[in-house]
Amino acid sequence: MCTQLAVAGDAVLLSPACASWGMFP
């Protein structure tokens, strides 16, 4: 979804403000 929403000149930032537990160790 992020790659579809972003266009040249944008940034995609993974900065979740949450712990990863439940989806990742």
PDBML (XML) file of the C-alpha atoms, coordinates in Angstrom:
<?xml version="1.0" encoding="UTF-8" ?>
<PDBx:datablock datablockName="MODEL"
   xmlns:PDBx="http://pdbml.pdb.org/schema/pdbx-v50.xsd"
   xmlns:xsi="http://www.w3.org/2001/XMLSchema-instance"
   xsi:schemaLocation="http://pdbml.pdb.org/schema/pdbx-v50.xsd pdbx-v50.xsd">
   <PDBx:atom_siteCategory>
      <PDBx:atom_site id="1">
         <PDBx:B_iso_or_equiv>0.00</PDBx:B_iso_or_equiv>
         <PDBx:Cartn_x>0.000</PDBx:Cartn_x>
         <PDBx:Cartn_y>0.000</PDBx:Cartn_y>
         <PDBx:Cartn_z>0.000</PDBx:Cartn_z>
         <PDBx:auth_asym_id>A</PDBx:auth_asym_id>
         <PDBx:auth_atom_id>CA</PDBx:auth_atom_id>
         <PDBx:auth_comp_id>MET</PDBx:auth_comp_id>
         <PDBx:auth_seq_id>1</PDBx:auth_seq_id>
         <PDBx:group_PDB>ATOM</PDBx:group_PDB>
         <PDBx:label_alt_id xsi:nil="true" />
         <PDBx:label_asym_id>A</PDBx:label_asym_id>
         <PDBx:label_atom_id>CA</PDBx:label_atom_id>
         <PDBx:label_comp_id>MET</PDBx:label_comp_id>
         <PDBx:label_entity_id>1</PDBx:label_entity_id>
         <PDBx:label_seq_id>1</PDBx:label_seq_id>
         <PDBx:occupancy>1.00</PDBx:occupancy>
         <PDBx:pdbx_PDB_model_num>1</PDBx:pdbx_PDB_model_num>
         <PDBx:type_symbol>C</PDBx:type_symbol>
      </PDBx:atom_site>
      <PDBx:atom_site id="2">
         <PDBx:B_iso_or_equiv>0.00</PDBx:B_iso_or_equiv>
         <PDBx:Cartn_x>2.813</PDBx:Cartn_x>
         <PDBx:Cartn_y>2.402</PDBx:Cartn_y>
         <PDBx:Cartn_z>0.872</PDBx:Cartn_z>
         <PDBx:auth_asym_id>A</PDBx:auth_asym_id>
         <PDBx:auth_atom_id>CA</PDBx:auth_atom_id>
         <PDBx:auth_comp_id>CYS</PDBx:auth_comp_id>
         <PDBx:auth_seq_id>2</PDBx:auth_seq_id>
         <PDBx:group_PDB>ATOM</PDBx:group_PDB>
         <PDBx:label_alt_id xsi:nil="true" />
         <PDBx:label_asym_id>A</PDBx:label_asym_id>
         <PDBx:label_atom_id>CA</PDBx:label_atom_id>
         <PDBx:label_comp_id>CYS</PDBx:label_comp_id>
         <PDBx:label_entity_id>1</PDBx:label_entity_id>
         <PDBx:label_seq_id>2</PDBx:label_seq_id>
         <PDBx:occupancy>1.00</PDBx:occupancy>
         <PDBx:pdbx_PDB_model_num>1</PDBx:pdbx_PDB_model_num>
         <PDBx:type_symbol>C</PDBx:type_symbol>
      </PDBx:atom_site>
      <PDBx:atom_site id="3">
         <PDBx:B_iso_or_equiv>0.00</PDBx:B_iso_or_equiv>
         <PDBx:Cartn_x>4.589</PDBx:Cartn_x>
         <PDBx:Cartn_y>1.885</PDBx:Cartn_y>
         <PDBx:Cartn_z>-2.445</PDBx:Cartn_z>
         <PDBx:auth_asym_id>A</PDBx:auth_asym_id>
         <PDBx:auth_atom_id>CA</PDBx:auth_atom_id>
         <PDBx:auth_comp_id>THR</PDBx:auth_comp_id>
         <PDBx:auth_seq_id>3</PDBx:auth_seq_id>
         <PDBx:group_PDB>ATOM</PDBx:group_PDB>
         <PDBx:label_alt_id xsi:nil="true" />
         <PDBx:label_asym_id>A</PDBx:label_asym_id>
         <PDBx:label_atom_id>CA</PDBx:label_atom_id>
         <PDBx:label_comp_id>THR</PDBx:label_comp_id>
         <PDBx:label_entity_id>1</PDBx:label_entity_id>
         <PDBx:label_seq_id>3</PDBx:label_seq_id>
         <PDBx:occupancy>1.00</PDBx:occupancy>
         <PDBx:pdbx_PDB_model_num>1</PDBx:pdbx_PDB_model_num>
         <PDBx:type_symbol>C</PDBx:type_symbol>
      </PDBx:atom_site>
      <PDBx:atom_site id="4">
         <PDBx:B_iso_or_equiv>0.00</PDBx:B_iso_or_equiv>
         <PDBx:Cartn_x>1.309</PDBx:Cartn_x>
         <PDBx:Cartn_y>2.573</PDBx:Cartn_y>
         <PDBx:Cartn_z>-4.237</PDBx:Cartn_z>
         <PDBx:auth_asym_id>A</PDBx:auth_asym_id>
         <PDBx:auth_atom_id>CA</PDBx:auth_atom_id>
         <PDBx:auth_comp_id>GLN</PDBx:auth_comp_id>
         <PDBx:auth_seq_id>4</PDBx:auth_seq_id>
         <PDBx:group_PDB>ATOM</PDBx:group_PDB>
         <PDBx:label_alt_id xsi:nil="true" />
         <PDBx:label_asym_id>A</PDBx:label_asym_id>
         <PDBx:label_atom_id>CA</PDBx:label_atom_id>
         <PDBx:label_comp_id>GLN</PDBx:label_comp_id>
         <PDBx:label_entity_id>1</PDBx:label_entity_id>
         <PDBx:label_seq_id>4</PDBx:label_seq_id>
         <PDBx:occupancy>1.00</PDBx:occupancy>
         <PDBx:pdbx_PDB_model_num>1</PDBx:pdbx_PDB_model_num>
         <PDBx:type_symbol>C</PDBx:type_symbol>
      </PDBx:atom_site>
      <PDBx:atom_site id="5">
         <PDBx:B_iso_or_equiv>0.00</PDBx:B_iso_or_equiv>
         <PDBx:Cartn_x>0.594</PDBx:Cartn_x>
         <PDBx:Cartn_y>5.757</PDBx:Cartn_y>
         <PDBx:Cartn_z>-2.260</PDBx:Cartn_z>
         <PDBx:auth_asym_id>A</PDBx:auth_asym_id>
         <PDBx:auth_atom_id>CA</PDBx:auth_atom_id>
         <PDBx:auth_comp_id>LEU</PDBx:auth_comp_id>
         <PDBx:auth_seq_id>5</PDBx:auth_seq_id>
         <PDBx:group_PDB>ATOM</PDBx:group_PDB>
         <PDBx:label_alt_id xsi:nil="true" />
         <PDBx:label_asym_id>A</PDBx:label_asym_id>
         <PDBx:label_atom_id>CA</PDBx:label_atom_id>
         <PDBx:label_comp_id>LEU</PDBx:label_comp_id>
         <PDBx:label_entity_id>1</PDBx:label_entity_id>
         <PDBx:label_seq_id>5</PDBx:label_seq_id>
         <PDBx:occupancy>1.00</PDBx:occupancy>
         <PDBx:pdbx_PDB_model_num>1</PDBx:pdbx_PDB_model_num>
         <PDBx:type_symbol>C</PDBx:type_symbol>
      </PDBx:atom_site>
      <PDBx:atom_site id="6">
         <PDBx:B_iso_or_equiv>0.00</PDBx:B_iso_or_equiv>
         <PDBx:Cartn_x>4.068</PDBx:Cartn_x>
         <PDBx:Cartn_y>7.285</PDBx:Cartn_y>
         <PDBx:Cartn_z>-2.489</PDBx:Cartn_z>
         <PDBx:auth_asym_id>A</PDBx:auth_asym_id>
         <PDBx:auth_atom_id>CA</PDBx:auth_atom_id>
         <PDBx:auth_comp_id>ALA</PDBx:auth_comp_id>
         <PDBx:auth_seq_id>6</PDBx:auth_seq_id>
         <PDBx:group_PDB>ATOM</PDBx:group_PDB>
         <PDBx:label_alt_id xsi:nil="true" />
         <PDBx:label_asym_id>A</PDBx:label_asym_id>
         <PDBx:label_atom_id>CA</PDBx:label_atom_id>
         <PDBx:label_comp_id>ALA</PDBx:label_comp_id>
         <PDBx:label_entity_id>1</PDBx:label_entity_id>
         <PDBx:label_seq_id>6</PDBx:label_seq_id>
         <PDBx:occupancy>1.00</PDBx:occupancy>
         <PDBx:pdbx_PDB_model_num>1</PDBx:pdbx_PDB_model_num>
         <PDBx:type_symbol>C</PDBx:type_symbol>
      </PDBx:atom_site>
      <PDBx:atom_site id="7">
         <PDBx:B_iso_or_equiv>0.00</PDBx:B_iso_or_equiv>
         <PDBx:Cartn_x>5.270</PDBx:Cartn_x>
         <PDBx:Cartn_y>9.192</PDBx:Cartn_y>
         <PDBx:Cartn_z>-5.559</PDBx:Cartn_z>
         <PDBx:auth_asym_id>A</PDBx:auth_asym_id>
         <PDBx:auth_atom_id>CA</PDBx:auth_atom_id>
         <PDBx:auth_comp_id>VAL</PDBx:auth_comp_id>
         <PDBx:auth_seq_id>7</PDBx:auth_seq_id>
         <PDBx:group_PDB>ATOM</PDBx:group_PDB>
         <PDBx:label_alt_id xsi:nil="true" />
         <PDBx:label_asym_id>A</PDBx:label_asym_id>
         <PDBx:label_atom_id>CA</PDBx:label_atom_id>
         <PDBx:label_comp_id>VAL</PDBx:label_comp_id>
         <PDBx:label_entity_id>1</PDBx:label_entity_id>
         <PDBx:label_seq_id>7</PDBx:label_seq_id>
         <PDBx:occupancy>1.00</PDBx:occupancy>
         <PDBx:pdbx_PDB_model_num>1</PDBx:pdbx_PDB_model_num>
         <PDBx:type_symbol>C</PDBx:type_symbol>
      </PDBx:atom_site>
      <PDBx:atom_site id="8">
         <PDBx:B_iso_or_equiv>0.00</PDBx:B_iso_or_equiv>
         <PDBx:Cartn_x>8.677</PDBx:Cartn_x>
         <PDBx:Cartn_y>10.524</PDBx:Cartn_y>
         <PDBx:Cartn_z>-6.554</PDBx:Cartn_z>
         <PDBx:auth_asym_id>A</PDBx:auth_asym_id>
         <PDBx:auth_atom_id>CA</PDBx:auth_atom_id>
         <PDBx:auth_comp_id>ALA</PDBx:auth_comp_id>
         <PDBx:auth_seq_id>8</PDBx:auth_seq_id>
         <PDBx:group_PDB>ATOM</PDBx:group_PDB>
         <PDBx:label_alt_id xsi:nil="true" />
         <PDBx:label_asym_id>A</PDBx:label_asym_id>
         <PDBx:label_atom_id>CA</PDBx:label_atom_id>
         <PDBx:label_comp_id>ALA</PDBx:label_comp_id>
         <PDBx:label_entity_id>1</PDBx:label_entity_id>
         <PDBx:label_seq_id>8</PDBx:label_seq_id>
         <PDBx:occupancy>1.00</PDBx:occupancy>
         <PDBx:pdbx_PDB_model_num>1</PDBx:pdbx_PDB_model_num>
         <PDBx:type_symbol>C</PDBx:type_symbol>
      </PDBx:atom_site>
      <PDBx:atom_site id="9">
         <PDBx:B_iso_or_equiv>0.00</PDBx:B_iso_or_equiv>
         <PDBx:Cartn_x>9.804</PDBx:Cartn_x>
         <PDBx:Cartn_y>13.132</PDBx:Cartn_y>
         <PDBx:Cartn_z>-4.044</PDBx:Cartn_z>
         <PDBx:auth_asym_id>A</PDBx:auth_asym_id>
         <PDBx:auth_atom_id>CA</PDBx:auth_atom_id>
         <PDBx:auth_comp_id>GLY</PDBx:auth_comp_id>
         <PDBx:auth_seq_id>9</PDBx:auth_seq_id>
         <PDBx:group_PDB>ATOM</PDBx:group_PDB>
         <PDBx:label_alt_id xsi:nil="true" />
         <PDBx:label_asym_id>A</PDBx:label_asym_id>
         <PDBx:label_atom_id>CA</PDBx:label_atom_id>
         <PDBx:label_comp_id>GLY</PDBx:label_comp_id>
         <PDBx:label_entity_id>1</PDBx:label_entity_id>
         <PDBx:label_seq_id>9</PDBx:label_seq_id>
         <PDBx:occupancy>1.00</PDBx:occupancy>
         <PDBx:pdbx_PDB_model_num>1</PDBx:pdbx_PDB_model_num>
         <PDBx:type_symbol>C</PDBx:type_symbol>
      </PDBx:atom_site>
      <PDBx:atom_site id="10">
         <PDBx:B_iso_or_equiv>0.00</PDBx:B_iso_or_equiv>
         <PDBx:Cartn_x>8.002</PDBx:Cartn_x>
         <PDBx:Cartn_y>11.465</PDBx:Cartn_y>
         <PDBx:Cartn_z>-1.124</PDBx:Cartn_z>
         <PDBx:auth_asym_id>A</PDBx:auth_asym_id>
         <PDBx:auth_atom_id>CA</PDBx:auth_atom_id>
         <PDBx:auth_comp_id>ASP</PDBx:auth_comp_id>
         <PDBx:auth_seq_id>10</PDBx:auth_seq_id>
         <PDBx:group_PDB>ATOM</PDBx:group_PDB>
         <PDBx:label_alt_id xsi:nil="true" />
         <PDBx:label_asym_id>A</PDBx:label_asym_id>
         <PDBx:label_atom_id>CA</PDBx:label_atom_id>
         <PDBx:label_comp_id>ASP</PDBx:label_comp_id>
         <PDBx:label_entity_id>1</PDBx:label_entity_id>
         <PDBx:label_seq_id>10</PDBx:label_seq_id>
         <PDBx:occupancy>1.00</PDBx:occupancy>
         <PDBx:pdbx_PDB_model_num>1</PDBx:pdbx_PDB_model_num>
         <PDBx:type_symbol>C</PDBx:type_symbol>
      </PDBx:atom_site>
      <PDBx:atom_site id="11">
         <PDBx:B_iso_or_equiv>0.00</PDBx:B_iso_or_equiv>
         <PDBx:Cartn_x>9.359</PDBx:Cartn_x>
         <PDBx:Cartn_y>9.414</PDBx:Cartn_y>
         <PDBx:Cartn_z>1.761</PDBx:Cartn_z>
         <PDBx:auth_asym_id>A</PDBx:auth_asym_id>
         <PDBx:auth_atom_id>CA</PDBx:auth_atom_id>
         <PDBx:auth_comp_id>ALA</PDBx:auth_comp_id>
         <PDBx:auth_seq_id>11</PDBx:auth_seq_id>
         <PDBx:group_PDB>ATOM</PDBx:group_PDB>
         <PDBx:label_alt_id xsi:nil="true" />
         <PDBx:label_asym_id>A</PDBx:label_asym_id>
         <PDBx:label_atom_id>CA</PDBx:label_atom_id>
         <PDBx:label_comp_id>ALA</PDBx:label_comp_id>
         <PDBx:label_entity_id>1</PDBx:label_entity_id>
         <PDBx:label_seq_id>11</PDBx:label_seq_id>
         <PDBx:occupancy>1.00</PDBx:occupancy>
         <PDBx:pdbx_PDB_model_num>1</PDBx:pdbx_PDB_model_num>
         <PDBx:type_symbol>C</PDBx:type_symbol>
      </PDBx:atom_site>
      <PDBx:atom_site id="12">
         <PDBx:B_iso_or_equiv>0.00</PDBx:B_iso_or_equiv>
         <PDBx:Cartn_x>8.034</PDBx:Cartn_x>
         <PDBx:Cartn_y>6.191</PDBx:Cartn_y>
         <PDBx:Cartn_z>3.250</PDBx:Cartn_z>
         <PDBx:auth_asym_id>A</PDBx:auth_asym_id>
         <PDBx:auth_atom_id>CA</PDBx:auth_atom_id>
         <PDBx:auth_comp_id>VAL</PDBx:auth_comp_id>
         <PDBx:auth_seq_id>12</PDBx:auth_seq_id>
         <PDBx:group_PDB>ATOM</PDBx:group_PDB>
         <PDBx:label_alt_id xsi:nil="true" />
         <PDBx:label_asym_id>A</PDBx:label_asym_id>
         <PDBx:label_atom_id>CA</PDBx:label_atom_id>
         <PDBx:label_comp_id>VAL</PDBx:label_comp_id>
         <PDBx:label_entity_id>1</PDBx:label_entity_id>
         <PDBx:label_seq_id>12</PDBx:label_seq_id>
         <PDBx:occupancy>1.00</PDBx:occupancy>
         <PDBx:pdbx_PDB_model_num>1</PDBx:pdbx_PDB_model_num>
         <PDBx:type_symbol>C</PDBx:type_symbol>
      </PDBx:atom_site>
      <PDBx:atom_site id="13">
         <PDBx:B_iso_or_equiv>0.00</PDBx:B_iso_or_equiv>
         <PDBx:Cartn_x>8.798</PDBx:Cartn_x>
         <PDBx:Cartn_y>5.992</PDBx:Cartn_y>
         <PDBx:Cartn_z>6.954</PDBx:Cartn_z>
         <PDBx:auth_asym_id>A</PDBx:auth_asym_id>
         <PDBx:auth_atom_id>CA</PDBx:auth_atom_id>
         <PDBx:auth_comp_id>LEU</PDBx:auth_comp_id>
         <PDBx:auth_seq_id>13</PDBx:auth_seq_id>
         <PDBx:group_PDB>ATOM</PDBx:group_PDB>
         <PDBx:label_alt_id xsi:nil="true" />
         <PDBx:label_asym_id>A</PDBx:label_asym_id>
         <PDBx:label_atom_id>CA</PDBx:label_atom_id>
         <PDBx:label_comp_id>LEU</PDBx:label_comp_id>
         <PDBx:label_entity_id>1</PDBx:label_entity_id>
         <PDBx:label_seq_id>13</PDBx:label_seq_id>
         <PDBx:occupancy>1.00</PDBx:occupancy>
         <PDBx:pdbx_PDB_model_num>1</PDBx:pdbx_PDB_model_num>
         <PDBx:type_symbol>C</PDBx:type_symbol>
      </PDBx:atom_site>
      <PDBx:atom_site id="14">
         <PDBx:B_iso_or_equiv>0.00</PDBx:B_iso_or_equiv>
         <PDBx:Cartn_x>8.403</PDBx:Cartn_x>
         <PDBx:Cartn_y>2.947</PDBx:Cartn_y>
         <PDBx:Cartn_z>9.177</PDBx:Cartn_z>
         <PDBx:auth_asym_id>A</PDBx:auth_asym_id>
         <PDBx:auth_atom_id>CA</PDBx:auth_atom_id>
         <PDBx:auth_comp_id>LEU</PDBx:auth_comp_id>
         <PDBx:auth_seq_id>14</PDBx:auth_seq_id>
         <PDBx:group_PDB>ATOM</PDBx:group_PDB>
         <PDBx:label_alt_id xsi:nil="true" />
         <PDBx:label_asym_id>A</PDBx:label_asym_id>
         <PDBx:label_atom_id>CA</PDBx:label_atom_id>
         <PDBx:label_comp_id>LEU</PDBx:label_comp_id>
         <PDBx:label_entity_id>1</PDBx:label_entity_id>
         <PDBx:label_seq_id>14</PDBx:label_seq_id>
         <PDBx:occupancy>1.00</PDBx:occupancy>
         <PDBx:pdbx_PDB_model_num>1</PDBx:pdbx_PDB_model_num>
         <PDBx:type_symbol>C</PDBx:type_symbol>
      </PDBx:atom_site>
      <PDBx:atom_site id="15">
         <PDBx:B_iso_or_equiv>0.00</PDBx:B_iso_or_equiv>
         <PDBx:Cartn_x>8.132</PDBx:Cartn_x>
         <PDBx:Cartn_y>4.571</PDBx:Cartn_y>
         <PDBx:Cartn_z>12.609</PDBx:Cartn_z>
         <PDBx:auth_asym_id>A</PDBx:auth_asym_id>
         <PDBx:auth_atom_id>CA</PDBx:auth_atom_id>
         <PDBx:auth_comp_id>SER</PDBx:auth_comp_id>
         <PDBx:auth_seq_id>15</PDBx:auth_seq_id>
         <PDBx:group_PDB>ATOM</PDBx:group_PDB>
         <PDBx:label_alt_id xsi:nil="true" />
         <PDBx:label_asym_id>A</PDBx:label_asym_id>
         <PDBx:label_atom_id>CA</PDBx:label_atom_id>
         <PDBx:label_comp_id>SER</PDBx:label_comp_id>
         <PDBx:label_entity_id>1</PDBx:label_entity_id>
         <PDBx:label_seq_id>15</PDBx:label_seq_id>
         <PDBx:occupancy>1.00</PDBx:occupancy>
         <PDBx:pdbx_PDB_model_num>1</PDBx:pdbx_PDB_model_num>
         <PDBx:type_symbol>C</PDBx:type_symbol>
      </PDBx:atom_site>
      <PDBx:atom_site id="16">
         <PDBx:B_iso_or_equiv>0.00</PDBx:B_iso_or_equiv>
         <PDBx:Cartn_x>5.229</PDBx:Cartn_x>
         <PDBx:Cartn_y>2.766</PDBx:Cartn_y>
         <PDBx:Cartn_z>14.281</PDBx:Cartn_z>
         <PDBx:auth_asym_id>A</PDBx:auth_asym_id>
         <PDBx:auth_atom_id>CA</PDBx:auth_atom_id>
         <PDBx:auth_comp_id>PRO</PDBx:auth_comp_id>
         <PDBx:auth_seq_id>16</PDBx:auth_seq_id>
         <PDBx:group_PDB>ATOM</PDBx:group_PDB>
         <PDBx:label_alt_id xsi:nil="true" />
         <PDBx:label_asym_id>A</PDBx:label_asym_id>
         <PDBx:label_atom_id>CA</PDBx:label_atom_id>
         <PDBx:label_comp_id>PRO</PDBx:label_comp_id>
         <PDBx:label_entity_id>1</PDBx:label_entity_id>
         <PDBx:label_seq_id>16</PDBx:label_seq_id>
         <PDBx:occupancy>1.00</PDBx:occupancy>
         <PDBx:pdbx_PDB_model_num>1</PDBx:pdbx_PDB_model_num>
         <PDBx:type_symbol>C</PDBx:type_symbol>
      </PDBx:atom_site>
      <PDBx:atom_site id="17">
         <PDBx:B_iso_or_equiv>0.00</PDBx:B_iso_or_equiv>
         <PDBx:Cartn_x>5.161</PDBx:Cartn_x>
         <PDBx:Cartn_y>4.383</PDBx:Cartn_y>
         <PDBx:Cartn_z>17.756</PDBx:Cartn_z>
         <PDBx:auth_asym_id>A</PDBx:auth_asym_id>
         <PDBx:auth_atom_id>CA</PDBx:auth_atom_id>
         <PDBx:auth_comp_id>ALA</PDBx:auth_comp_id>
         <PDBx:auth_seq_id>17</PDBx:auth_seq_id>
         <PDBx:group_PDB>ATOM</PDBx:group_PDB>
         <PDBx:label_alt_id xsi:nil="true" />
         <PDBx:label_asym_id>A</PDBx:label_asym_id>
         <PDBx:label_atom_id>CA</PDBx:label_atom_id>
         <PDBx:label_comp_id>ALA</PDBx:label_comp_id>
         <PDBx:label_entity_id>1</PDBx:label_entity_id>
         <PDBx:label_seq_id>17</PDBx:label_seq_id>
         <PDBx:occupancy>1.00</PDBx:occupancy>
         <PDBx:pdbx_PDB_model_num>1</PDBx:pdbx_PDB_model_num>
         <PDBx:type_symbol>C</PDBx:type_symbol>
      </PDBx:atom_site>
      <PDBx:atom_site id="18">
         <PDBx:B_iso_or_equiv>0.00</PDBx:B_iso_or_equiv>
         <PDBx:Cartn_x>4.281</PDBx:Cartn_x>
         <PDBx:Cartn_y>0.888</PDBx:Cartn_y>
         <PDBx:Cartn_z>19.008</PDBx:Cartn_z>
         <PDBx:auth_asym_id>A</PDBx:auth_asym_id>
         <PDBx:auth_atom_id>CA</PDBx:auth_atom_id>
         <PDBx:auth_comp_id>CYS</PDBx:auth_comp_id>
         <PDBx:auth_seq_id>18</PDBx:auth_seq_id>
         <PDBx:group_PDB>ATOM</PDBx:group_PDB>
         <PDBx:label_alt_id xsi:nil="true" />
         <PDBx:label_asym_id>A</PDBx:label_asym_id>
         <PDBx:label_atom_id>CA</PDBx:label_atom_id>
         <PDBx:label_comp_id>CYS</PDBx:label_comp_id>
         <PDBx:label_entity_id>1</PDBx:label_entity_id>
         <PDBx:label_seq_id>18</PDBx:label_seq_id>
         <PDBx:occupancy>1.00</PDBx:occupancy>
         <PDBx:pdbx_PDB_model_num>1</PDBx:pdbx_PDB_model_num>
         <PDBx:type_symbol>C</PDBx:type_symbol>
      </PDBx:atom_site>
      <PDBx:atom_site id="19">
         <PDBx:B_iso_or_equiv>0.00</PDBx:B_iso_or_equiv>
         <PDBx:Cartn_x>5.987</PDBx:Cartn_x>
         <PDBx:Cartn_y>-2.342</PDBx:Cartn_y>
         <PDBx:Cartn_z>19.983</PDBx:Cartn_z>
         <PDBx:auth_asym_id>A</PDBx:auth_asym_id>
         <PDBx:auth_atom_id>CA</PDBx:auth_atom_id>
         <PDBx:auth_comp_id>ALA</PDBx:auth_comp_id>
         <PDBx:auth_seq_id>19</PDBx:auth_seq_id>
         <PDBx:group_PDB>ATOM</PDBx:group_PDB>
         <PDBx:label_alt_id xsi:nil="true" />
         <PDBx:label_asym_id>A</PDBx:label_asym_id>
         <PDBx:label_atom_id>CA</PDBx:label_atom_id>
         <PDBx:label_comp_id>ALA</PDBx:label_comp_id>
         <PDBx:label_entity_id>1</PDBx:label_entity_id>
         <PDBx:label_seq_id>19</PDBx:label_seq_id>
         <PDBx:occupancy>1.00</PDBx:occupancy>
         <PDBx:pdbx_PDB_model_num>1</PDBx:pdbx_PDB_model_num>
         <PDBx:type_symbol>C</PDBx:type_symbol>
      </PDBx:atom_site>
      <PDBx:atom_site id="20">
         <PDBx:B_iso_or_equiv>0.00</PDBx:B_iso_or_equiv>
         <PDBx:Cartn_x>6.208</PDBx:Cartn_x>
         <PDBx:Cartn_y>-5.097</PDBx:Cartn_y>
         <PDBx:Cartn_z>17.397</PDBx:Cartn_z>
         <PDBx:auth_asym_id>A</PDBx:auth_asym_id>
         <PDBx:auth_atom_id>CA</PDBx:auth_atom_id>
         <PDBx:auth_comp_id>SER</PDBx:auth_comp_id>
         <PDBx:auth_seq_id>20</PDBx:auth_seq_id>
         <PDBx:group_PDB>ATOM</PDBx:group_PDB>
         <PDBx:label_alt_id xsi:nil="true" />
         <PDBx:label_asym_id>A</PDBx:label_asym_id>
         <PDBx:label_atom_id>CA</PDBx:label_atom_id>
         <PDBx:label_comp_id>SER</PDBx:label_comp_id>
         <PDBx:label_entity_id>1</PDBx:label_entity_id>
         <PDBx:label_seq_id>20</PDBx:label_seq_id>
         <PDBx:occupancy>1.00</PDBx:occupancy>
         <PDBx:pdbx_PDB_model_num>1</PDBx:pdbx_PDB_model_num>
         <PDBx:type_symbol>C</PDBx:type_symbol>
      </PDBx:atom_site>
      <PDBx:atom_site id="21">
         <PDBx:B_iso_or_equiv>0.00</PDBx:B_iso_or_equiv>
         <PDBx:Cartn_x>4.790</PDBx:Cartn_x>
         <PDBx:Cartn_y>-7.920</PDBx:Cartn_y>
         <PDBx:Cartn_z>19.542</PDBx:Cartn_z>
         <PDBx:auth_asym_id>A</PDBx:auth_asym_id>
         <PDBx:auth_atom_id>CA</PDBx:auth_atom_id>
         <PDBx:auth_comp_id>TRP</PDBx:auth_comp_id>
         <PDBx:auth_seq_id>21</PDBx:auth_seq_id>
         <PDBx:group_PDB>ATOM</PDBx:group_PDB>
         <PDBx:label_alt_id xsi:nil="true" />
         <PDBx:label_asym_id>A</PDBx:label_asym_id>
         <PDBx:label_atom_id>CA</PDBx:label_atom_id>
         <PDBx:label_comp_id>TRP</PDBx:label_comp_id>
         <PDBx:label_entity_id>1</PDBx:label_entity_id>
         <PDBx:label_seq_id>21</PDBx:label_seq_id>
         <PDBx:occupancy>1.00</PDBx:occupancy>
         <PDBx:pdbx_PDB_model_num>1</PDBx:pdbx_PDB_model_num>
         <PDBx:type_symbol>C</PDBx:type_symbol>
      </PDBx:atom_site>
      <PDBx:atom_site id="22">
         <PDBx:B_iso_or_equiv>0.00</PDBx:B_iso_or_equiv>
         <PDBx:Cartn_x>1.804</PDBx:Cartn_x>
         <PDBx:Cartn_y>-9.729</PDBx:Cartn_y>
         <PDBx:Cartn_z>18.117</PDBx:Cartn_z>
         <PDBx:auth_asym_id>A</PDBx:auth_asym_id>
         <PDBx:auth_atom_id>CA</PDBx:auth_atom_id>
         <PDBx:auth_comp_id>GLY</PDBx:auth_comp_id>
         <PDBx:auth_seq_id>22</PDBx:auth_seq_id>
         <PDBx:group_PDB>ATOM</PDBx:group_PDB>
         <PDBx:label_alt_id xsi:nil="true" />
         <PDBx:label_asym_id>A</PDBx:label_asym_id>
         <PDBx:label_atom_id>CA</PDBx:label_atom_id>
         <PDBx:label_comp_id>GLY</PDBx:label_comp_id>
         <PDBx:label_entity_id>1</PDBx:label_entity_id>
         <PDBx:label_seq_id>22</PDBx:label_seq_id>
         <PDBx:occupancy>1.00</PDBx:occupancy>
         <PDBx:pdbx_PDB_model_num>1</PDBx:pdbx_PDB_model_num>
         <PDBx:type_symbol>C</PDBx:type_symbol>
      </PDBx:atom_site>
      <PDBx:atom_site id="23">
         <PDBx:B_iso_or_equiv>0.00</PDBx:B_iso_or_equiv>
         <PDBx:Cartn_x>3.101</PDBx:Cartn_x>
         <PDBx:Cartn_y>-9.446</PDBx:Cartn_y>
         <PDBx:Cartn_z>14.551</PDBx:Cartn_z>
         <PDBx:auth_asym_id>A</PDBx:auth_asym_id>
         <PDBx:auth_atom_id>CA</PDBx:auth_atom_id>
         <PDBx:auth_comp_id>MET</PDBx:auth_comp_id>
         <PDBx:auth_seq_id>23</PDBx:auth_seq_id>
         <PDBx:group_PDB>ATOM</PDBx:group_PDB>
         <PDBx:label_alt_id xsi:nil="true" />
         <PDBx:label_asym_id>A</PDBx:label_asym_id>
         <PDBx:label_atom_id>CA</PDBx:label_atom_id>
         <PDBx:label_comp_id>MET</PDBx:label_comp_id>
         <PDBx:label_entity_id>1</PDBx:label_entity_id>
         <PDBx:label_seq_id>23</PDBx:label_seq_id>
         <PDBx:occupancy>1.00</PDBx:occupancy>
         <PDBx:pdbx_PDB_model_num>1</PDBx:pdbx_PDB_model_num>
         <PDBx:type_symbol>C</PDBx:type_symbol>
      </PDBx:atom_site>
      <PDBx:atom_site id="24">
         <PDBx:B_iso_or_equiv>0.00</PDBx:B_iso_or_equiv>
         <PDBx:Cartn_x>6.858</PDBx:Cartn_x>
         <PDBx:Cartn_y>-9.865</PDBx:Cartn_y>
         <PDBx:Cartn_z>15.099</PDBx:Cartn_z>
         <PDBx:auth_asym_id>A</PDBx:auth_asym_id>
         <PDBx:auth_atom_id>CA</PDBx:auth_atom_id>
         <PDBx:auth_comp_id>PHE</PDBx:auth_comp_id>
         <PDBx:auth_seq_id>24</PDBx:auth_seq_id>
         <PDBx:group_PDB>ATOM</PDBx:group_PDB>
         <PDBx:label_alt_id xsi:nil="true" />
         <PDBx:label_asym_id>A</PDBx:label_asym_id>
         <PDBx:label_atom_id>CA</PDBx:label_atom_id>
         <PDBx:label_comp_id>PHE</PDBx:label_comp_id>
         <PDBx:label_entity_id>1</PDBx:label_entity_id>
         <PDBx:label_seq_id>24</PDBx:label_seq_id>
         <PDBx:occupancy>1.00</PDBx:occupancy>
         <PDBx:pdbx_PDB_model_num>1</PDBx:pdbx_PDB_model_num>
         <PDBx:type_symbol>C</PDBx:type_symbol>
      </PDBx:atom_site>
      <PDBx:atom_site id="25">
         <PDBx:B_iso_or_equiv>0.00</PDBx:B_iso_or_equiv>
         <PDBx:Cartn_x>9.125</PDBx:Cartn_x>
         <PDBx:Cartn_y>-11.267</PDBx:Cartn_y>
         <PDBx:Cartn_z>17.814</PDBx:Cartn_z>
         <PDBx:auth_asym_id>A</PDBx:auth_asym_id>
         <PDBx:auth_atom_id>CA</PDBx:auth_atom_id>
         <PDBx:auth_comp_id>PRO</PDBx:auth_comp_id>
         <PDBx:auth_seq_id>25</PDBx:auth_seq_id>
         <PDBx:group_PDB>ATOM</PDBx:group_PDB>
         <PDBx:label_alt_id xsi:nil="true" />
         <PDBx:label_asym_id>A</PDBx:label_asym_id>
         <PDBx:label_atom_id>CA</PDBx:label_atom_id>
         <PDBx:label_comp_id>PRO</PDBx:label_comp_id>
         <PDBx:label_entity_id>1</PDBx:label_entity_id>
         <PDBx:label_seq_id>25</PDBx:label_seq_id>
         <PDBx:occupancy>1.00</PDBx:occupancy>
         <PDBx:pdbx_PDB_model_num>1</PDBx:pdbx_PDB_model_num>
         <PDBx:type_symbol>C</PDBx:type_symbol>
      </PDBx:atom_site>
   </PDBx:atom_siteCategory>
</PDBx:datablock>
